[in-house]
Amino acid sequence: MSIANILLVDDEVPFVEAMTRRLTRRDVEIQPAYSGEEALEKLTRLDTIEVVILDIKMPGMDGVETLREIKRRFPLVEVIMLTGHATVESGIQGMKLGAFDYLMKPCDIAELVAKVQMAARKKREHEEKIVQARIKEITSRRE
């Protein structure tokens, strides 16, 4: 089993390709997306995505707008925002909107992998709590 199933969202193709190679070597499953719209479409189709690594500055639907929509439609999916120096405020805004964390670009790969592991663990724990609550509800009806 991989460390996490990730959706990497950035409009810069060379960045996505480089990060995909680097993260794959660290036992992370990667799905690329090059826009907010594509990210939402992939999240709709792929129920295995645990963590989204999301660039803030993208043309069209930017990272903050994409984050809002992810949290509305897929509330258990954790999001790590990537921000440049000029958009630190957007990273902080993302945290207020429910992002798991944010990192400055370019980010240290070991730090990113550690954040991904923590975010995936948080999502899995939430899912386990939901399963346990459902089991408890079903078994309490039978008593």
N, C-alpha and C. Protein backbone atom coordinates (compact mmCIF):
# COMPACT_ATOMS: atom_id res chain seq x y z
N MET A 1 0.85 -1.19 0.00
CA MET A 1 0.00 0.00 0.00
C MET A 1 0.89 1.25 0.00
N SER A 2 0.50 2.21 -0.79
CA SER A 2 1.29 3.44 -0.88
C SER A 2 1.04 4.32 0.35
N ILE A 3 1.91 5.29 0.53
CA ILE A 3 1.77 6.24 1.63
C ILE A 3 0.44 6.97 1.53
N ALA A 4 0.09 7.39 0.30
CA ALA A 4 -1.16 8.13 0.08
C ALA A 4 -1.48 8.16 -1.40
N ASN A 5 -2.75 8.38 -1.68
CA ASN A 5 -3.21 8.61 -3.05
C ASN A 5 -3.46 10.11 -3.19
N ILE A 6 -2.70 10.72 -4.09
CA ILE A 6 -2.68 12.17 -4.20
C ILE A 6 -3.18 12.64 -5.56
N LEU A 7 -3.86 13.77 -5.54
CA LEU A 7 -4.18 14.51 -6.75
C LEU A 7 -3.31 15.76 -6.71
N LEU A 8 -2.40 15.87 -7.68
CA LEU A 8 -1.48 17.01 -7.76
C LEU A 8 -2.03 17.99 -8.79
N VAL A 9 -2.37 19.20 -8.34
CA VAL A 9 -3.04 20.17 -9.21
C VAL A 9 -2.18 21.41 -9.37
N ASP A 10 -1.71 21.62 -10.60
CA ASP A 10 -0.90 22.80 -10.91
C ASP A 10 -0.96 23.00 -12.41
N ASP A 11 -1.05 24.24 -12.86
CA ASP A 11 -1.13 24.51 -14.30
C ASP A 11 0.21 24.42 -14.99
N GLU A 12 1.31 24.32 -14.25
CA GLU A 12 2.64 24.23 -14.83
C GLU A 12 3.02 22.76 -15.06
N VAL A 13 2.93 22.32 -16.32
CA VAL A 13 3.17 20.92 -16.68
C VAL A 13 4.55 20.43 -16.22
N PRO A 14 5.65 21.17 -16.46
CA PRO A 14 6.96 20.68 -16.02
C PRO A 14 7.03 20.46 -14.49
N PHE A 15 6.38 21.33 -13.73
CA PHE A 15 6.35 21.18 -12.27
C PHE A 15 5.62 19.90 -11.89
N VAL A 16 4.47 19.66 -12.50
CA VAL A 16 3.69 18.45 -12.20
C VAL A 16 4.49 17.20 -12.55
N GLU A 17 5.13 17.22 -13.70
CA GLU A 17 5.92 16.05 -14.12
C GLU A 17 7.08 15.80 -13.16
N ALA A 18 7.80 16.85 -12.78
CA ALA A 18 8.93 16.69 -11.86
C ALA A 18 8.47 16.20 -10.49
N MET A 19 7.40 16.80 -9.97
CA MET A 19 6.89 16.38 -8.65
C MET A 19 6.35 14.96 -8.70
N THR A 20 5.74 14.59 -9.80
CA THR A 20 5.22 13.22 -9.94
C THR A 20 6.37 12.22 -9.85
N ARG A 21 7.47 12.50 -10.56
CA ARG A 21 8.64 11.60 -10.49
C ARG A 21 9.19 11.53 -9.07
N ARG A 22 9.35 12.67 -8.43
CA ARG A 22 9.94 12.72 -7.09
C ARG A 22 9.05 12.03 -6.04
N LEU A 23 7.76 12.24 -6.13
CA LEU A 23 6.85 11.65 -5.14
C LEU A 23 6.63 10.16 -5.39
N THR A 24 6.61 9.76 -6.65
CA THR A 24 6.42 8.34 -6.96
C THR A 24 7.57 7.52 -6.37
N ARG A 25 8.78 8.06 -6.39
CA ARG A 25 9.93 7.38 -5.79
C ARG A 25 9.77 7.20 -4.28
N ARG A 26 8.90 7.99 -3.69
CA ARG A 26 8.68 7.92 -2.24
C ARG A 26 7.38 7.19 -1.91
N ASP A 27 6.94 6.35 -2.83
CA ASP A 27 5.79 5.47 -2.61
C ASP A 27 4.48 6.23 -2.44
N VAL A 28 4.30 7.25 -3.27
CA VAL A 28 3.07 8.03 -3.27
C VAL A 28 2.40 7.83 -4.64
N GLU A 29 1.10 7.51 -4.63
CA GLU A 29 0.34 7.39 -5.87
C GLU A 29 -0.11 8.78 -6.31
N ILE A 30 0.18 9.14 -7.56
CA ILE A 30 -0.12 10.49 -8.05
C ILE A 30 -1.08 10.44 -9.23
N GLN A 31 -2.07 11.31 -9.17
CA GLN A 31 -2.93 11.62 -10.31
C GLN A 31 -2.68 13.09 -10.62
N PRO A 32 -2.31 13.44 -11.85
CA PRO A 32 -2.11 14.86 -12.17
C PRO A 32 -3.40 15.53 -12.62
N ALA A 33 -3.48 16.82 -12.36
CA ALA A 33 -4.55 17.65 -12.91
C ALA A 33 -3.93 19.03 -13.15
N TYR A 34 -4.35 19.67 -14.23
CA TYR A 34 -3.71 20.92 -14.64
C TYR A 34 -4.60 22.14 -14.50
N SER A 35 -5.75 21.95 -13.83
CA SER A 35 -6.66 23.08 -13.58
C SER A 35 -7.60 22.69 -12.44
N GLY A 36 -8.23 23.69 -11.86
CA GLY A 36 -9.21 23.42 -10.82
C GLY A 36 -10.37 22.60 -11.33
N GLU A 37 -10.82 22.90 -12.54
CA GLU A 37 -11.94 22.17 -13.13
C GLU A 37 -11.59 20.69 -13.32
N GLU A 38 -10.37 20.44 -13.84
CA GLU A 38 -9.94 19.05 -14.03
C GLU A 38 -9.81 18.33 -12.69
N ALA A 39 -9.35 19.03 -11.67
CA ALA A 39 -9.23 18.43 -10.34
C ALA A 39 -10.59 17.97 -9.83
N LEU A 40 -11.59 18.80 -9.96
CA LEU A 40 -12.93 18.45 -9.50
C LEU A 40 -13.51 17.27 -10.29
N GLU A 41 -13.24 17.25 -11.57
CA GLU A 41 -13.71 16.14 -12.41
C GLU A 41 -13.04 14.84 -11.97
N LYS A 42 -11.74 14.87 -11.70
CA LYS A 42 -11.04 13.66 -11.26
C LYS A 42 -11.50 13.21 -9.88
N LEU A 43 -11.75 14.15 -8.99
CA LEU A 43 -12.25 13.79 -7.65
C LEU A 43 -13.62 13.12 -7.76
N THR A 44 -14.42 13.54 -8.71
CA THR A 44 -15.73 12.94 -8.93
C THR A 44 -15.59 11.49 -9.39
N ARG A 45 -14.61 11.23 -10.26
CA ARG A 45 -14.41 9.90 -10.83
C ARG A 45 -13.59 8.96 -9.95
N LEU A 46 -12.64 9.50 -9.20
CA LEU A 46 -11.68 8.67 -8.46
C LEU A 46 -11.93 8.78 -6.96
N ASP A 47 -12.58 7.79 -6.39
CA ASP A 47 -12.89 7.87 -4.96
C ASP A 47 -11.72 7.45 -4.06
N THR A 48 -10.57 7.18 -4.66
CA THR A 48 -9.40 6.76 -3.88
C THR A 48 -8.51 7.93 -3.47
N ILE A 49 -8.77 9.12 -3.99
CA ILE A 49 -7.93 10.28 -3.68
C ILE A 49 -8.11 10.64 -2.20
N GLU A 50 -6.97 10.74 -1.50
CA GLU A 50 -7.00 11.10 -0.08
C GLU A 50 -6.55 12.54 0.15
N VAL A 51 -5.56 12.97 -0.61
CA VAL A 51 -4.96 14.28 -0.40
C VAL A 51 -4.82 14.99 -1.74
N VAL A 52 -5.16 16.27 -1.75
CA VAL A 52 -4.94 17.11 -2.94
C VAL A 52 -3.82 18.08 -2.61
N ILE A 53 -2.81 18.10 -3.48
CA ILE A 53 -1.77 19.13 -3.40
C ILE A 53 -2.15 20.15 -4.45
N LEU A 54 -2.45 21.35 -4.00
CA LEU A 54 -3.14 22.33 -4.85
C LEU A 54 -2.37 23.64 -4.92
N ASP A 55 -1.99 24.03 -6.14
CA ASP A 55 -1.35 25.32 -6.36
C ASP A 55 -2.40 26.42 -6.22
N ILE A 56 -2.02 27.51 -5.61
CA ILE A 56 -2.96 28.61 -5.42
C ILE A 56 -3.14 29.43 -6.69
N LYS A 57 -2.03 29.75 -7.36
CA LYS A 57 -2.10 30.62 -8.53
C LYS A 57 -2.25 29.79 -9.79
N MET A 58 -3.46 29.78 -10.33
CA MET A 58 -3.74 29.10 -11.60
C MET A 58 -4.70 29.97 -12.38
N PRO A 59 -4.60 29.94 -13.71
CA PRO A 59 -5.58 30.69 -14.50
C PRO A 59 -6.96 30.04 -14.39
N GLY A 60 -7.99 30.82 -14.64
CA GLY A 60 -9.35 30.29 -14.52
C GLY A 60 -9.70 30.12 -13.06
N MET A 61 -10.10 28.93 -12.70
CA MET A 61 -10.46 28.62 -11.31
C MET A 61 -9.17 28.54 -10.49
N ASP A 62 -8.93 29.52 -9.63
CA ASP A 62 -7.68 29.50 -8.86
C ASP A 62 -7.76 28.50 -7.70
N GLY A 63 -6.67 28.38 -6.96
CA GLY A 63 -6.59 27.39 -5.90
C GLY A 63 -7.58 27.61 -4.77
N VAL A 64 -7.81 28.86 -4.39
CA VAL A 64 -8.74 29.14 -3.29
C VAL A 64 -10.16 28.76 -3.71
N GLU A 65 -10.54 29.11 -4.92
CA GLU A 65 -11.87 28.75 -5.42
C GLU A 65 -12.01 27.23 -5.54
N THR A 66 -10.95 26.57 -6.01
CA THR A 66 -10.96 25.11 -6.12
C THR A 66 -11.07 24.48 -4.74
N LEU A 67 -10.33 25.00 -3.77
CA LEU A 67 -10.40 24.51 -2.39
C LEU A 67 -11.83 24.59 -1.85
N ARG A 68 -12.46 25.73 -2.04
CA ARG A 68 -13.85 25.90 -1.57
C ARG A 68 -14.75 24.79 -2.12
N GLU A 69 -14.60 24.53 -3.41
CA GLU A 69 -15.45 23.54 -4.07
C GLU A 69 -15.10 22.12 -3.59
N ILE A 70 -13.82 21.84 -3.41
CA ILE A 70 -13.41 20.52 -2.91
C ILE A 70 -14.02 20.29 -1.53
N LYS A 71 -13.90 21.26 -0.65
CA LYS A 71 -14.41 21.10 0.72
C LYS A 71 -15.93 21.01 0.74
N ARG A 72 -16.60 21.65 -0.21
CA ARG A 72 -18.06 21.57 -0.28
C ARG A 72 -18.50 20.18 -0.77
N ARG A 73 -17.83 19.67 -1.80
CA ARG A 73 -18.26 18.42 -2.43
C ARG A 73 -17.58 17.18 -1.89
N PHE A 74 -16.37 17.32 -1.37
CA PHE A 74 -15.58 16.17 -0.88
C PHE A 74 -14.97 16.53 0.48
N PRO A 75 -15.78 16.72 1.50
CA PRO A 75 -15.29 17.29 2.76
C PRO A 75 -14.20 16.48 3.47
N LEU A 76 -14.11 15.19 3.23
CA LEU A 76 -13.08 14.40 3.91
C LEU A 76 -11.72 14.44 3.21
N VAL A 77 -11.68 14.86 1.97
CA VAL A 77 -10.42 14.95 1.25
C VAL A 77 -9.61 16.10 1.84
N GLU A 78 -8.36 15.81 2.19
CA GLU A 78 -7.48 16.83 2.76
C GLU A 78 -6.76 17.56 1.64
N VAL A 79 -6.50 18.86 1.85
CA VAL A 79 -5.87 19.69 0.82
C VAL A 79 -4.65 20.38 1.41
N ILE A 80 -3.53 20.25 0.70
CA ILE A 80 -2.31 20.98 1.04
C ILE A 80 -2.11 22.01 -0.07
N MET A 81 -2.08 23.28 0.32
CA MET A 81 -1.92 24.36 -0.63
C MET A 81 -0.44 24.64 -0.88
N LEU A 82 -0.09 24.92 -2.12
CA LEU A 82 1.27 25.36 -2.47
C LEU A 82 1.19 26.81 -2.87
N THR A 83 2.04 27.62 -2.27
CA THR A 83 1.98 29.05 -2.50
C THR A 83 3.37 29.64 -2.74
N GLY A 84 3.41 30.66 -3.58
CA GLY A 84 4.64 31.42 -3.77
C GLY A 84 4.70 32.53 -2.74
N HIS A 85 5.82 33.25 -2.70
CA HIS A 85 5.99 34.31 -1.70
C HIS A 85 4.90 35.37 -1.77
N ALA A 86 4.45 35.67 -2.97
CA ALA A 86 3.46 36.74 -3.14
C ALA A 86 2.07 36.33 -2.69
N THR A 87 1.86 35.04 -2.44
CA THR A 87 0.50 34.60 -2.12
C THR A 87 0.40 33.91 -0.76
N VAL A 88 1.26 34.29 0.18
CA VAL A 88 1.19 33.70 1.52
C VAL A 88 -0.17 33.95 2.15
N GLU A 89 -0.72 35.15 1.91
CA GLU A 89 -2.05 35.47 2.46
C GLU A 89 -3.08 34.48 1.94
N SER A 90 -2.94 34.08 0.68
CA SER A 90 -3.87 33.10 0.11
C SER A 90 -3.72 31.74 0.80
N GLY A 91 -2.49 31.38 1.17
CA GLY A 91 -2.27 30.14 1.91
C GLY A 91 -2.96 30.18 3.26
N ILE A 92 -2.87 31.30 3.93
CA ILE A 92 -3.53 31.48 5.23
C ILE A 92 -5.05 31.45 5.04
N GLN A 93 -5.53 32.11 3.99
CA GLN A 93 -6.96 32.08 3.69
C GLN A 93 -7.41 30.64 3.44
N GLY A 94 -6.57 29.88 2.74
CA GLY A 94 -6.88 28.48 2.49
C GLY A 94 -7.04 27.68 3.77
N MET A 95 -6.17 27.95 4.74
CA MET A 95 -6.28 27.27 6.04
C MET A 95 -7.62 27.61 6.70
N LYS A 96 -8.02 28.85 6.60
CA LYS A 96 -9.30 29.26 7.18
C LYS A 96 -10.47 28.57 6.48
N LEU A 97 -10.29 28.22 5.21
CA LEU A 97 -11.34 27.56 4.44
C LEU A 97 -11.31 26.04 4.55
N GLY A 98 -10.37 25.53 5.34
CA GLY A 98 -10.36 24.09 5.58
C GLY A 98 -9.18 23.33 5.02
N ALA A 99 -8.19 24.03 4.45
CA ALA A 99 -6.99 23.33 3.97
C ALA A 99 -6.27 22.70 5.15
N PHE A 100 -5.65 21.56 4.94
CA PHE A 100 -4.89 20.88 5.98
C PHE A 100 -3.66 21.70 6.36
N ASP A 101 -2.97 22.24 5.35
CA ASP A 101 -1.76 23.03 5.58
C ASP A 101 -1.39 23.72 4.28
N TYR A 102 -0.36 24.55 4.35
CA TYR A 102 0.17 25.13 3.12
C TYR A 102 1.69 25.16 3.21
N LEU A 103 2.32 25.08 2.04
CA LEU A 103 3.78 25.10 1.94
C LEU A 103 4.19 26.13 0.90
N MET A 104 5.36 26.71 1.11
CA MET A 104 5.90 27.67 0.16
C MET A 104 6.56 26.92 -1.00
N LYS A 105 6.38 27.43 -2.20
CA LYS A 105 7.06 26.91 -3.38
C LYS A 105 8.39 27.62 -3.55
N PRO A 106 9.46 26.96 -3.91
CA PRO A 106 9.59 25.51 -4.01
C PRO A 106 9.65 24.90 -2.61
N CYS A 107 9.05 23.75 -2.45
CA CYS A 107 8.99 23.15 -1.12
C CYS A 107 9.99 21.99 -1.01
N ASP A 108 10.39 21.73 0.21
CA ASP A 108 11.26 20.61 0.50
C ASP A 108 10.45 19.33 0.34
N ILE A 109 10.95 18.39 -0.45
CA ILE A 109 10.18 17.18 -0.76
C ILE A 109 9.93 16.34 0.49
N ALA A 110 10.90 16.27 1.39
CA ALA A 110 10.71 15.49 2.62
C ALA A 110 9.61 16.11 3.49
N GLU A 111 9.58 17.43 3.55
CA GLU A 111 8.53 18.12 4.32
C GLU A 111 7.16 17.88 3.68
N LEU A 112 7.11 17.93 2.35
CA LEU A 112 5.85 17.70 1.65
C LEU A 112 5.35 16.28 1.90
N VAL A 113 6.24 15.29 1.81
CA VAL A 113 5.85 13.90 2.05
C VAL A 113 5.35 13.72 3.47
N ALA A 114 6.01 14.36 4.44
CA ALA A 114 5.56 14.28 5.83
C ALA A 114 4.16 14.86 5.99
N LYS A 115 3.91 16.01 5.36
CA LYS A 115 2.57 16.64 5.43
C LYS A 115 1.52 15.74 4.76
N VAL A 116 1.89 15.13 3.63
CA VAL A 116 0.97 14.24 2.92
C VAL A 116 0.62 13.06 3.83
N GLN A 117 1.62 12.48 4.49
CA GLN A 117 1.36 11.35 5.39
C GLN A 117 0.41 11.76 6.51
N MET A 118 0.63 12.93 7.10
CA MET A 118 -0.25 13.39 8.18
C MET A 118 -1.66 13.64 7.67
N ALA A 119 -1.78 14.24 6.49
CA ALA A 119 -3.10 14.53 5.92
C ALA A 119 -3.84 13.24 5.59
N ALA A 120 -3.13 12.27 5.00
CA ALA A 120 -3.77 10.99 4.66
C ALA A 120 -4.21 10.28 5.93
N ARG A 121 -3.39 10.32 6.97
CA ARG A 121 -3.75 9.69 8.24
C ARG A 121 -5.01 10.33 8.81
N LYS A 122 -5.10 11.66 8.75
CA LYS A 122 -6.28 12.36 9.25
C LYS A 122 -7.53 11.94 8.48
N LYS A 123 -7.44 11.85 7.16
CA LYS A 123 -8.59 11.43 6.35
C LYS A 123 -9.01 10.01 6.71
N ARG A 124 -8.05 9.11 6.84
CA ARG A 124 -8.35 7.72 7.17
C ARG A 124 -8.99 7.61 8.55
N GLU A 125 -8.51 8.40 9.51
CA GLU A 125 -9.11 8.38 10.86
C GLU A 125 -10.55 8.87 10.82
N HIS A 126 -10.82 9.93 10.04
CA HIS A 126 -12.19 10.42 9.91
C HIS A 126 -13.09 9.36 9.30
N GLU A 127 -12.60 8.70 8.26
CA GLU A 127 -13.39 7.65 7.62
C GLU A 127 -13.66 6.50 8.58
N GLU A 128 -12.68 6.13 9.38
CA GLU A 128 -12.84 5.05 10.35
C GLU A 128 -13.89 5.43 11.41
N LYS A 129 -13.86 6.67 11.86
CA LYS A 129 -14.87 7.12 12.84
C LYS A 129 -16.27 7.05 12.25
N ILE A 130 -16.40 7.40 10.98
CA ILE A 130 -17.71 7.34 10.32
C ILE A 130 -18.18 5.90 10.23
N VAL A 131 -17.29 4.99 9.85
CA VAL A 131 -17.64 3.57 9.77
C VAL A 131 -18.06 3.05 11.13
N GLN A 132 -17.30 3.37 12.16
CA GLN A 132 -17.63 2.91 13.52
C GLN A 132 -18.97 3.47 13.98
N ALA A 133 -19.25 4.72 13.67
CA ALA A 133 -20.54 5.32 14.04
C ALA A 133 -21.69 4.61 13.33
N ARG A 134 -21.49 4.27 12.07
CA ARG A 134 -22.53 3.56 11.31
C ARG A 134 -22.76 2.16 11.88
N ILE A 135 -21.68 1.48 12.22
CA ILE A 135 -21.80 0.14 12.81
C ILE A 135 -22.56 0.23 14.13
N LYS A 136 -22.21 1.20 14.94
CA LYS A 136 -22.87 1.38 16.23
C LYS A 136 -24.36 1.66 16.03
N GLU A 137 -24.68 2.49 15.05
CA GLU A 137 -26.08 2.82 14.76
C GLU A 137 -26.84 1.57 14.32
N ILE A 138 -26.26 0.77 13.45
CA ILE A 138 -26.92 -0.44 12.96
C ILE A 138 -27.11 -1.44 14.09
N THR A 139 -26.08 -1.66 14.90
CA THR A 139 -26.19 -2.65 15.96
C THR A 139 -27.14 -2.19 17.07
N SER A 140 -27.24 -0.89 17.29
CA SER A 140 -28.16 -0.40 18.33
C SER A 140 -29.62 -0.55 17.90
N ARG A 141 -29.90 -0.58 16.61
CA ARG A 141 -31.26 -0.78 16.11
C ARG A 141 -31.73 -2.22 16.36
N ARG A 142 -30.79 -3.14 16.40
CA ARG A 142 -31.14 -4.55 16.54
C ARG A 142 -31.40 -4.94 18.00
N GLU A 143 -30.99 -4.11 18.91
CA GLU A 143 -31.14 -4.46 20.35
C GLU A 143 -32.53 -4.26 20.86
